[in-house]
C-alpha cells in the first residue's frame, strides 16, 4: 500500500488504498466516512496511515 500523489485530496491515503485495491477513490472515501462513525477509527487511523505509508 502507498499514498497516492495522483488521487489525493488531503493526504492521498484513500487514493492510495483505492489504487492498491483497484477500486474507485470515491468508493474508498465513502467507506472511510462510514468507518469514521466508529470511535478511534476514522481520523486517528487516517493520521497513522498518512505517516507510515510512502508517497508514490
C-alpha atoms as a PDB file:
ATOM      1  CA  UNK A   1       0.000   0.000   0.000  1.00  0.00           C
ATOM      2  CA  UNK A   2       1.026   3.581  -0.555  1.00  0.00           C
ATOM      3  CA  UNK A   3      -0.298   7.137  -0.580  1.00  0.00           C
ATOM      4  CA  UNK A   4      -1.335   8.448  -3.961  1.00  0.00           C
ATOM      5  CA  UNK A   5       0.097  11.610  -5.452  1.00  0.00           C
ATOM      6  CA  UNK A   6      -2.398  11.376  -8.317  1.00  0.00           C
ATOM      7  CA  UNK A   7      -5.709  10.761  -6.469  1.00  0.00           C
ATOM      8  CA  UNK A   8      -5.164  12.925  -3.451  1.00  0.00           C
ATOM      9  CA  UNK A   9      -7.457  15.353  -1.704  1.00  0.00           C
ATOM     10  CA  UNK A  10      -5.970  15.619   1.756  1.00  0.00           C
ATOM     11  CA  UNK A  11      -3.087  13.211   2.250  1.00  0.00           C
ATOM     12  CA  UNK A  12      -3.535  10.673  -0.521  1.00  0.00           C
ATOM     13  CA  UNK A  13      -4.346   7.808   1.852  1.00  0.00           C
ATOM     14  CA  UNK A  14      -7.758   6.894   0.409  1.00  0.00           C
ATOM     15  CA  UNK A  15      -6.474   7.357  -3.146  1.00  0.00           C
ATOM     16  CA  UNK A  16      -3.515   5.078  -2.461  1.00  0.00           C
ATOM     17  CA  UNK A  17      -5.693   2.410  -0.876  1.00  0.00           C
ATOM     18  CA  UNK A  18      -8.011   2.612  -3.893  1.00  0.00           C
ATOM     19  CA  UNK A  19      -5.091   2.262  -6.317  1.00  0.00           C
ATOM     20  CA  UNK A  20      -3.749  -0.735  -4.387  1.00  0.00           C
ATOM     21  CA  UNK A  21      -7.131  -2.494  -4.427  1.00  0.00           C
ATOM     22  CA  UNK A  22      -8.097  -1.430  -7.948  1.00  0.00           C
ATOM     23  CA  UNK A  23     -11.177   0.418  -6.645  1.00  0.00           C
ATOM     24  CA  UNK A  24     -12.569   3.876  -7.243  1.00  0.00           C
ATOM     25  CA  UNK A  25     -11.100   6.526  -4.912  1.00  0.00           C
ATOM     26  CA  UNK A  26     -14.622   7.882  -4.381  1.00  0.00           C
ATOM     27  CA  UNK A  27     -15.821   4.487  -3.123  1.00  0.00           C
ATOM     28  CA  UNK A  28     -12.918   4.248  -0.669  1.00  0.00           C
ATOM     29  CA  UNK A  29     -13.621   7.780   0.598  1.00  0.00           C
ATOM     30  CA  UNK A  30     -17.296   6.920   1.165  1.00  0.00           C
ATOM     31  CA  UNK A  31     -16.354   3.725   3.007  1.00  0.00           C
ATOM     32  CA  UNK A  32     -13.856   5.727   5.073  1.00  0.00           C
ATOM     33  CA  UNK A  33     -16.601   8.181   6.060  1.00  0.00           C
ATOM     34  CA  UNK A  34     -18.809   5.300   7.176  1.00  0.00           C
ATOM     35  CA  UNK A  35     -15.931   3.791   9.180  1.00  0.00           C
ATOM     36  CA  UNK A  36     -15.282   7.211  10.740  1.00  0.00           C
ATOM     37  CA  UNK A  37     -18.561   6.884  12.616  1.00  0.00           C
ATOM     38  CA  UNK A  38     -16.859   4.272  14.803  1.00  0.00           C
ATOM     39  CA  UNK A  39     -14.765   5.622  17.682  1.00  0.00           C
ATOM     40  CA  UNK A  40     -10.986   5.671  17.161  1.00  0.00           C
ATOM     41  CA  UNK A  41     -11.250   4.502  13.544  1.00  0.00           C
ATOM     42  CA  UNK A  42     -11.584   7.491  11.213  1.00  0.00           C
ATOM     43  CA  UNK A  43      -9.264  10.387  11.867  1.00  0.00           C
ATOM     44  CA  UNK A  44      -6.681   8.702  14.151  1.00  0.00           C
ATOM     45  CA  UNK A  45      -6.189   5.790  11.745  1.00  0.00           C
ATOM     46  CA  UNK A  46      -6.006   8.164   8.772  1.00  0.00           C
ATOM     47  CA  UNK A  47      -3.248  10.149  10.501  1.00  0.00           C
ATOM     48  CA  UNK A  48      -1.291   6.986  11.310  1.00  0.00           C
ATOM     49  CA  UNK A  49      -1.581   5.761   7.716  1.00  0.00           C
ATOM     50  CA  UNK A  50      -0.595   9.212   6.440  1.00  0.00           C
ATOM     51  CA  UNK A  51       2.596   8.991   8.491  1.00  0.00           C
ATOM     52  CA  UNK A  52       3.598   5.395   7.715  1.00  0.00           C
ATOM     53  CA  UNK A  53       2.539   4.920   4.066  1.00  0.00           C
ATOM     54  CA  UNK A  54       5.080   6.014   1.465  1.00  0.00           C
ATOM     55  CA  UNK A  55       4.068   8.540  -1.201  1.00  0.00           C
ATOM     56  CA  UNK A  56       4.011   7.129  -4.709  1.00  0.00           C
END
